[in-house]
Amino acid sequence: MTRAVLASLLSALAFVAAGSAQDTKAKTGFVTKEFVNADGSKSPYVVFVPHDYDGSKAYPVILFLHGAGETKGGPKQPVEVGIGPAIKTQEKTFAAITVIPQSEKRTWRADSDDAKRALAILGEVTKNYKTDPDRVYLTGLSMGGFGTWSIAGMYPERWAAIAPICGGGKVESAPKMKDIPAWVFHGDKDTAVKVELSRDMVAALKKAGGSPKYTEYPGVGHNSWDAAYGEKEFFPWLLAQKRK
């Protein structure tokens, strides 16, 4: 083998090795994926994979439901508002796989196609990554806050904890959710979603025998999610919960 051929081979191997390293790195952090629907169409979603993920231990999983403005065709992507920016502030150490689907029909109601797709995407992620089935969490803001209440009410057995932000739900569903640890957030000056909706759900949970946490931000309008996801104790509290 000539020196020129040997040099060329070593260069090629170095390129392949560099590419493999990049591919491995691309599997952590914010990763864009596609979910294949029953009709063959594809729906993009984002999954955040902790930077130290190597498949050797099971990770908790968060399902995040965005607000109306991040619906397909909207001005922003779901990862840009709410939990995405919060994760980025601590990205290197954030210790939960986080699933961020996108609504296509502007609803997360539990019986909607969007909610069913979100749960299917969650299932796909928990199948493809090593995850802890007893540490799966549900949270969302505004439209996603309504979706959190709705989905938790229909599938209460699935969640280790929920965190609805500036949303609302059906008070009659509270008995189904009373045993799920919940931290509810709302701004008292919210003109888009009345704060009474969160107050009513919290009261209904307590009446049913639950013990929800509730944080109401004085003087805060619709955007209570930045404060909620920015709470120093929020993620430690969330990730400490386990399904009973």
C-alpha atoms as a PDB file:
ATOM      1  CA  MET A   1       0.000   0.000   0.000  1.00  0.00           C
ATOM      2  CA  THR A   2       1.477   3.322  -1.034  1.00  0.00           C
ATOM      3  CA  ARG A   3       1.842   6.195   1.382  1.00  0.00           C
ATOM      4  CA  ALA A   4      -0.682   8.224  -0.650  1.00  0.00           C
ATOM      5  CA  VAL A   5      -3.298   5.459  -0.465  1.00  0.00           C
ATOM      6  CA  LEU A   6      -2.607   4.951   3.253  1.00  0.00           C
ATOM      7  CA  ALA A   7      -2.966   8.677   3.933  1.00  0.00           C
ATOM      8  CA  SER A   8      -6.218   8.757   1.980  1.00  0.00           C
ATOM      9  CA  LEU A   9      -7.569   5.763   3.935  1.00  0.00           C
ATOM     10  CA  LEU A  10      -6.638   7.271   7.299  1.00  0.00           C
ATOM     11  CA  SER A  11      -8.263  10.554   6.284  1.00  0.00           C
ATOM     12  CA  ALA A  12     -11.453   8.743   5.327  1.00  0.00           C
ATOM     13  CA  LEU A  13     -11.497   6.831   8.612  1.00  0.00           C
ATOM     14  CA  ALA A  14     -11.000  10.063  10.537  1.00  0.00           C
ATOM     15  CA  PHE A  15     -13.930  11.622   8.667  1.00  0.00           C
ATOM     16  CA  VAL A  16     -16.173   8.647   9.452  1.00  0.00           C
ATOM     17  CA  ALA A  17     -15.139   8.767  13.116  1.00  0.00           C
ATOM     18  CA  ALA A  18     -15.881  12.480  13.294  1.00  0.00           C
ATOM     19  CA  GLY A  19     -19.246  11.908  11.666  1.00  0.00           C
ATOM     20  CA  SER A  20     -20.058   9.127  14.127  1.00  0.00           C
ATOM     21  CA  ALA A  21     -19.200  11.410  17.037  1.00  0.00           C
ATOM     22  CA  GLN A  22     -21.476  14.102  15.634  1.00  0.00           C
ATOM     23  CA  ASP A  23     -24.288  11.566  15.167  1.00  0.00           C
ATOM     24  CA  THR A  24     -23.916  10.380  18.755  1.00  0.00           C
ATOM     25  CA  LYS A  25     -23.977  13.941  20.025  1.00  0.00           C
ATOM     26  CA  ALA A  26     -27.059  14.722  17.910  1.00  0.00           C
ATOM     27  CA  LYS A  27     -29.014  12.088  19.858  1.00  0.00           C
ATOM     28  CA  THR A  28     -28.969  14.255  22.966  1.00  0.00           C
ATOM     29  CA  GLY A  29     -30.260  17.769  23.496  1.00  0.00           C
ATOM     30  CA  PHE A  30     -33.247  18.988  21.466  1.00  0.00           C
ATOM     31  CA  VAL A  31     -33.896  16.448  18.721  1.00  0.00           C
ATOM     32  CA  THR A  32     -36.498  16.930  15.980  1.00  0.00           C
ATOM     33  CA  LYS A  33     -38.340  13.766  14.990  1.00  0.00           C
ATOM     34  CA  GLU A  34     -41.348  12.741  12.901  1.00  0.00           C
ATOM     35  CA  PHE A  35     -44.331  10.673  13.971  1.00  0.00           C
ATOM     36  CA  VAL A  36     -45.941   8.609  11.216  1.00  0.00           C
ATOM     37  CA  ASN A  37     -49.732   8.758  11.426  1.00  0.00           C
ATOM     38  CA  ALA A  38     -52.071   5.926  10.470  1.00  0.00           C
ATOM     39  CA  ASP A  39     -52.703   7.518   7.050  1.00  0.00           C
ATOM     40  CA  GLY A  40     -48.985   7.756   6.323  1.00  0.00           C
ATOM     41  CA  SER A  41     -48.730  11.498   6.935  1.00  0.00           C
ATOM     42  CA  LYS A  42     -45.970  12.749   9.199  1.00  0.00           C
ATOM     43  CA  SER A  43     -46.187  15.028  12.232  1.00  0.00           C
ATOM     44  CA  PRO A  44     -43.007  16.638  13.550  1.00  0.00           C
ATOM     45  CA  TYR A  45     -42.240  16.764  17.235  1.00  0.00           C
ATOM     46  CA  VAL A  46     -39.265  17.570  19.442  1.00  0.00           C
ATOM     47  CA  VAL A  47     -37.820  15.423  22.178  1.00  0.00           C
ATOM     48  CA  PHE A  48     -35.259  16.718  24.631  1.00  0.00           C
ATOM     49  CA  VAL A  49     -32.795  14.011  25.597  1.00  0.00           C
ATOM     50  CA  PRO A  50     -30.568  14.704  28.640  1.00  0.00           C
ATOM     51  CA  HIS A  51     -26.949  15.270  27.675  1.00  0.00           C
ATOM     52  CA  ASP A  52     -25.751  12.384  29.839  1.00  0.00           C
ATOM     53  CA  TYR A  53     -28.256   9.903  28.405  1.00  0.00           C
ATOM     54  CA  ASP A  54     -26.516   6.688  27.359  1.00  0.00           C
ATOM     55  CA  GLY A  55     -29.277   4.117  27.822  1.00  0.00           C
ATOM     56  CA  SER A  56     -27.807   2.742  31.033  1.00  0.00           C
ATOM     57  CA  LYS A  57     -30.481   4.068  33.384  1.00  0.00           C
ATOM     58  CA  ALA A  58     -34.177   4.872  33.208  1.00  0.00           C
ATOM     59  CA  TYR A  59     -35.122   8.553  32.936  1.00  0.00           C
ATOM     60  CA  PRO A  60     -38.317  10.349  33.923  1.00  0.00           C
ATOM     61  CA  VAL A  61     -40.425  11.713  31.070  1.00  0.00           C
ATOM     62  CA  ILE A  62     -42.360  14.971  30.748  1.00  0.00           C
ATOM     63  CA  LEU A  63     -45.104  15.465  28.161  1.00  0.00           C
ATOM     64  CA  PHE A  64     -45.510  19.179  27.417  1.00  0.00           C
ATOM     65  CA  LEU A  65     -48.587  20.652  25.707  1.00  0.00           C
ATOM     66  CA  HIS A  66     -48.132  24.084  24.139  1.00  0.00           C
ATOM     67  CA  GLY A  67     -50.564  26.979  23.822  1.00  0.00           C
ATOM     68  CA  ALA A  68     -52.775  28.012  20.907  1.00  0.00           C
ATOM     69  CA  GLY A  69     -50.153  30.295  19.363  1.00  0.00           C
ATOM     70  CA  GLU A  70     -47.812  27.392  18.683  1.00  0.00           C
ATOM     71  CA  THR A  71     -50.376  25.343  16.767  1.00  0.00           C
ATOM     72  CA  LYS A  72     -49.249  24.154  13.318  1.00  0.00           C
ATOM     73  CA  GLY A  73     -49.013  27.195  11.038  1.00  0.00           C
ATOM     74  CA  GLY A  74     -48.637  29.589  13.968  1.00  0.00           C
ATOM     75  CA  PRO A  75     -45.932  32.227  14.418  1.00  0.00           C
ATOM     76  CA  LYS A  76     -43.826  30.141  16.818  1.00  0.00           C
ATOM     77  CA  GLN A  77     -42.837  26.534  17.287  1.00  0.00           C
ATOM     78  CA  PRO A  78     -43.834  24.650  20.468  1.00  0.00           C
ATOM     79  CA  VAL A  79     -40.231  24.393  21.646  1.00  0.00           C
ATOM     80  CA  GLU A  80     -39.897  28.193  21.644  1.00  0.00           C
ATOM     81  CA  VAL A  81     -42.454  28.888  24.384  1.00  0.00           C
ATOM     82  CA  GLY A  82     -42.834  27.505  27.878  1.00  0.00           C
ATOM     83  CA  ILE A  83     -40.829  24.474  28.848  1.00  0.00           C
ATOM     84  CA  GLY A  84     -38.319  24.664  25.991  1.00  0.00           C
ATOM     85  CA  PRO A  85     -36.752  27.980  27.089  1.00  0.00           C
ATOM     86  CA  ALA A  86     -36.839  26.792  30.709  1.00  0.00           C
ATOM     87  CA  ILE A  87     -34.884  23.668  29.818  1.00  0.00           C
ATOM     88  CA  LYS A  88     -32.355  25.699  27.835  1.00  0.00           C
ATOM     89  CA  THR A  89     -31.395  27.658  30.960  1.00  0.00           C
ATOM     90  CA  GLN A  90     -30.199  24.398  32.509  1.00  0.00           C
ATOM     91  CA  GLU A  91     -29.796  22.249  29.427  1.00  0.00           C
ATOM     92  CA  LYS A  92     -26.523  20.548  30.373  1.00  0.00           C
ATOM     93  CA  THR A  93     -27.952  19.218  33.636  1.00  0.00           C
ATOM     94  CA  PHE A  94     -31.679  18.865  32.901  1.00  0.00           C
ATOM     95  CA  ALA A  95     -32.500  15.318  33.919  1.00  0.00           C
ATOM     96  CA  ALA A  96     -35.779  14.450  32.186  1.00  0.00           C
ATOM     97  CA  ILE A  97     -36.637  13.326  28.685  1.00  0.00           C
ATOM     98  CA  THR A  98     -39.181  15.886  27.499  1.00  0.00           C
ATOM     99  CA  VAL A  99     -41.690  15.284  24.710  1.00  0.00           C
ATOM    100  CA  ILE A 100     -42.947  18.348  22.823  1.00  0.00           C
ATOM    101  CA  PRO A 101     -45.610  17.520  20.198  1.00  0.00           C
ATOM    102  CA  GLN A 102     -47.503  20.043  18.066  1.00  0.00           C
ATOM    103  CA  SER A 103     -51.245  20.500  17.819  1.00  0.00           C
ATOM    104  CA  GLU A 104     -52.587  20.547  14.274  1.00  0.00           C
ATOM    105  CA  LYS A 105     -56.218  21.417  15.001  1.00  0.00           C
ATOM    106  CA  ARG A 106     -55.826  23.881  17.867  1.00  0.00           C
ATOM    107  CA  THR A 107     -56.982  21.645  20.701  1.00  0.00           C
ATOM    108  CA  TRP A 108     -55.582  19.242  23.274  1.00  0.00           C
ATOM    109  CA  ARG A 109     -58.967  17.964  24.448  1.00  0.00           C
ATOM    110  CA  ALA A 110     -58.526  14.344  25.514  1.00  0.00           C
ATOM    111  CA  ASP A 111     -60.786  12.933  22.804  1.00  0.00           C
ATOM    112  CA  SER A 112     -59.191  14.981  20.002  1.00  0.00           C
ATOM    113  CA  ASP A 113     -56.875  13.691  17.286  1.00  0.00           C
ATOM    114  CA  ASP A 114     -54.158  16.019  18.583  1.00  0.00           C
ATOM    115  CA  ALA A 115     -54.305  14.578  22.099  1.00  0.00           C
ATOM    116  CA  LYS A 116     -54.378  11.013  20.807  1.00  0.00           C
ATOM    117  CA  ARG A 117     -51.326  11.776  18.649  1.00  0.00           C
ATOM    118  CA  ALA A 118     -49.520  13.372  21.591  1.00  0.00           C
ATOM    119  CA  LEU A 119     -50.074  10.234  23.686  1.00  0.00           C
ATOM    120  CA  ALA A 120     -48.964   8.039  20.792  1.00  0.00           C
ATOM    121  CA  ILE A 121     -45.792  10.119  20.441  1.00  0.00           C
ATOM    122  CA  LEU A 122     -45.234   9.753  24.177  1.00  0.00           C
ATOM    123  CA  GLY A 123     -45.584   6.009  23.730  1.00  0.00           C
ATOM    124  CA  GLU A 124     -43.101   6.050  20.862  1.00  0.00           C
ATOM    125  CA  VAL A 125     -40.552   7.945  22.946  1.00  0.00           C
ATOM    126  CA  THR A 126     -40.929   5.687  25.994  1.00  0.00           C
ATOM    127  CA  LYS A 127     -40.418   2.698  23.705  1.00  0.00           C
ATOM    128  CA  ASN A 128     -37.324   4.096  22.006  1.00  0.00           C
ATOM    129  CA  TYR A 129     -35.603   5.407  25.124  1.00  0.00           C
ATOM    130  CA  LYS A 130     -34.994   3.873  28.522  1.00  0.00           C
ATOM    131  CA  THR A 131     -37.613   5.515  30.729  1.00  0.00           C
ATOM    132  CA  ASP A 132     -39.227   5.081  34.134  1.00  0.00           C
ATOM    133  CA  PRO A 133     -42.937   4.195  33.744  1.00  0.00           C
ATOM    134  CA  ASP A 134     -43.643   5.435  37.265  1.00  0.00           C
ATOM    135  CA  ARG A 135     -42.212   8.885  36.588  1.00  0.00           C
ATOM    136  CA  VAL A 136     -44.209  10.227  33.644  1.00  0.00           C
ATOM    137  CA  TYR A 137     -45.492  13.796  34.002  1.00  0.00           C
ATOM    138  CA  LEU A 138     -47.982  15.982  32.174  1.00  0.00           C
ATOM    139  CA  THR A 139     -47.867  19.761  31.929  1.00  0.00           C
ATOM    140  CA  GLY A 140     -49.071  22.471  29.592  1.00  0.00           C
ATOM    141  CA  LEU A 141     -49.876  26.146  29.291  1.00  0.00           C
ATOM    142  CA  SER A 142     -53.050  27.966  28.239  1.00  0.00           C
ATOM    143  CA  MET A 143     -54.605  25.646  25.621  1.00  0.00           C
ATOM    144  CA  GLY A 144     -52.136  23.086  26.923  1.00  0.00           C
ATOM    145  CA  GLY A 145     -53.295  23.819  30.474  1.00  0.00           C
ATOM    146  CA  PHE A 146     -56.836  22.920  29.419  1.00  0.00           C
ATOM    147  CA  GLY A 147     -55.401  19.832  27.715  1.00  0.00           C
ATOM    148  CA  THR A 148     -53.539  18.833  30.858  1.00  0.00           C
ATOM    149  CA  TRP A 149     -56.742  18.883  32.893  1.00  0.00           C
ATOM    150  CA  SER A 150     -58.667  17.076  30.151  1.00  0.00           C
ATOM    151  CA  ILE A 151     -56.138  14.307  29.521  1.00  0.00           C
ATOM    152  CA  ALA A 152     -55.469  13.788  33.224  1.00  0.00           C
ATOM    153  CA  GLY A 153     -59.203  13.474  33.790  1.00  0.00           C
ATOM    154  CA  MET A 154     -59.525  10.789  31.126  1.00  0.00           C
ATOM    155  CA  TYR A 155     -56.302   8.923  31.916  1.00  0.00           C
ATOM    156  CA  PRO A 156     -55.561   9.613  35.606  1.00  0.00           C
ATOM    157  CA  GLU A 157     -53.673   6.359  36.088  1.00  0.00           C
ATOM    158  CA  ARG A 158     -50.911   7.368  33.670  1.00  0.00           C
ATOM    159  CA  TRP A 159     -49.380  10.325  35.492  1.00  0.00           C
ATOM    160  CA  ALA A 160     -46.998  10.660  38.401  1.00  0.00           C
ATOM    161  CA  ALA A 161     -47.886  14.369  38.587  1.00  0.00           C
ATOM    162  CA  ILE A 162     -49.504  17.135  36.552  1.00  0.00           C
ATOM    163  CA  ALA A 163     -48.828  20.868  36.266  1.00  0.00           C
ATOM    164  CA  PRO A 164     -51.560  22.830  34.450  1.00  0.00           C
ATOM    165  CA  ILE A 165     -50.678  26.478  33.804  1.00  0.00           C
ATOM    166  CA  CYS A 166     -53.344  29.146  33.130  1.00  0.00           C
ATOM    167  CA  GLY A 167     -55.904  26.599  32.008  1.00  0.00           C
ATOM    168  CA  GLY A 168     -59.168  25.159  33.227  1.00  0.00           C
ATOM    169  CA  GLY A 169     -61.054  21.907  33.376  1.00  0.00           C
ATOM    170  CA  LYS A 170     -64.267  20.195  34.367  1.00  0.00           C
ATOM    171  CA  VAL A 171     -64.775  20.299  38.122  1.00  0.00           C
ATOM    172  CA  GLU A 172     -66.822  17.101  37.955  1.00  0.00           C
ATOM    173  CA  SER A 173     -63.676  15.242  36.852  1.00  0.00           C
ATOM    174  CA  ALA A 174     -61.797  16.241  40.029  1.00  0.00           C
ATOM    175  CA  PRO A 175     -62.570  12.982  41.924  1.00  0.00           C
ATOM    176  CA  LYS A 176     -60.744  11.052  39.185  1.00  0.00           C
ATOM    177  CA  MET A 177     -57.639  13.217  39.607  1.00  0.00           C
ATOM    178  CA  LYS A 178     -57.619  13.743  43.372  1.00  0.00           C
ATOM    179  CA  ASP A 179     -54.752  11.302  43.944  1.00  0.00           C
ATOM    180  CA  ILE A 180     -52.449  12.795  41.291  1.00  0.00           C
ATOM    181  CA  PRO A 181     -49.916  15.246  42.744  1.00  0.00           C
ATOM    182  CA  ALA A 182     -50.694  18.582  41.090  1.00  0.00           C
ATOM    183  CA  TRP A 183     -49.123  22.012  41.030  1.00  0.00           C
ATOM    184  CA  VAL A 184     -51.418  24.564  39.435  1.00  0.00           C
ATOM    185  CA  PHE A 185     -50.361  28.054  38.269  1.00  0.00           C
ATOM    186  CA  HIS A 186     -52.241  31.169  37.143  1.00  0.00           C
ATOM    187  CA  GLY A 187     -51.845  34.947  37.025  1.00  0.00           C
ATOM    188  CA  ASP A 188     -54.607  36.893  38.766  1.00  0.00           C
ATOM    189  CA  LYS A 189     -54.709  39.508  35.976  1.00  0.00           C
ATOM    190  CA  ASP A 190     -55.121  36.988  33.163  1.00  0.00           C
ATOM    191  CA  THR A 191     -57.647  38.357  30.675  1.00  0.00           C
ATOM    192  CA  ALA A 192     -57.309  35.468  28.199  1.00  0.00           C
ATOM    193  CA  VAL A 193     -58.147  32.652  30.634  1.00  0.00           C
ATOM    194  CA  LYS A 194     -59.960  33.647  33.804  1.00  0.00           C
ATOM    195  CA  VAL A 195     -58.082  32.857  36.992  1.00  0.00           C
ATOM    196  CA  GLU A 196     -61.325  31.523  38.469  1.00  0.00           C
ATOM    197  CA  LEU A 197     -60.945  28.459  36.235  1.00  0.00           C
ATOM    198  CA  SER A 198     -57.814  27.366  38.075  1.00  0.00           C
ATOM    199  CA  ARG A 199     -59.246  28.355  41.431  1.00  0.00           C
ATOM    200  CA  ASP A 200     -62.328  26.242  40.767  1.00  0.00           C
ATOM    201  CA  MET A 201     -60.282  23.187  39.797  1.00  0.00           C
ATOM    202  CA  VAL A 202     -58.068  23.501  42.862  1.00  0.00           C
ATOM    203  CA  ALA A 203     -61.141  23.852  45.099  1.00  0.00           C
ATOM    204  CA  ALA A 204     -62.762  20.828  43.443  1.00  0.00           C
ATOM    205  CA  LEU A 205     -59.641  18.702  43.970  1.00  0.00           C
ATOM    206  CA  LYS A 206     -59.502  19.668  47.641  1.00  0.00           C
ATOM    207  CA  LYS A 207     -63.203  18.924  48.048  1.00  0.00           C
ATOM    208  CA  ALA A 208     -62.614  15.487  46.515  1.00  0.00           C
ATOM    209  CA  GLY A 209     -59.837  14.794  49.008  1.00  0.00           C
ATOM    210  CA  GLY A 210     -56.803  15.880  46.992  1.00  0.00           C
ATOM    211  CA  SER A 211     -53.940  18.108  48.106  1.00  0.00           C
ATOM    212  CA  PRO A 212     -52.943  20.218  45.083  1.00  0.00           C
ATOM    213  CA  LYS A 213     -50.320  22.947  45.249  1.00  0.00           C
ATOM    214  CA  TYR A 214     -51.500  26.274  43.862  1.00  0.00           C
ATOM    215  CA  THR A 215     -49.469  29.343  42.944  1.00  0.00           C
ATOM    216  CA  GLU A 216     -51.297  32.484  41.879  1.00  0.00           C
ATOM    217  CA  TYR A 217     -49.139  35.339  40.667  1.00  0.00           C
ATOM    218  CA  PRO A 218     -50.394  38.784  41.694  1.00  0.00           C
ATOM    219  CA  GLY A 219     -50.413  41.362  38.913  1.00  0.00           C
ATOM    220  CA  VAL A 220     -49.486  38.776  36.244  1.00  0.00           C
ATOM    221  CA  GLY A 221     -51.469  38.441  33.030  1.00  0.00           C
ATOM    222  CA  HIS A 222     -51.752  35.496  30.679  1.00  0.00           C
ATOM    223  CA  ASN A 223     -48.058  34.659  30.611  1.00  0.00           C
ATOM    224  CA  SER A 224     -47.688  32.906  33.933  1.00  0.00           C
ATOM    225  CA  TRP A 225     -45.705  30.072  32.359  1.00  0.00           C
ATOM    226  CA  ASP A 226     -42.336  31.818  32.427  1.00  0.00           C
ATOM    227  CA  ALA A 227     -42.712  32.345  36.168  1.00  0.00           C
ATOM    228  CA  ALA A 228     -44.071  28.814  36.699  1.00  0.00           C
ATOM    229  CA  TYR A 229     -41.325  26.973  34.826  1.00  0.00           C
ATOM    230  CA  GLY A 230     -38.846  29.383  36.387  1.00  0.00           C
ATOM    231  CA  GLU A 231     -39.831  28.447  39.934  1.00  0.00           C
ATOM    232  CA  LYS A 232     -36.687  27.172  41.660  1.00  0.00           C
ATOM    233  CA  GLU A 233     -38.560  24.281  43.250  1.00  0.00           C
ATOM    234  CA  PHE A 234     -40.774  23.345  40.311  1.00  0.00           C
ATOM    235  CA  PHE A 235     -38.683  20.776  38.443  1.00  0.00           C
ATOM    236  CA  PRO A 236     -37.208  19.240  41.636  1.00  0.00           C
ATOM    237  CA  TRP A 237     -40.766  18.846  42.974  1.00  0.00           C
ATOM    238  CA  LEU A 238     -42.072  17.441  39.675  1.00  0.00           C
ATOM    239  CA  LEU A 239     -39.304  14.906  39.205  1.00  0.00           C
ATOM    240  CA  ALA A 240     -39.562  13.746  42.811  1.00  0.00           C
ATOM    241  CA  GLN A 241     -43.113  12.486  42.274  1.00  0.00           C
ATOM    242  CA  LYS A 242     -43.732   8.819  41.531  1.00  0.00           C
ATOM    243  CA  ARG A 243     -46.875   7.080  40.394  1.00  0.00           C
ATOM    244  CA  LYS A 244     -48.531   5.232  43.232  1.00  0.00           C
END
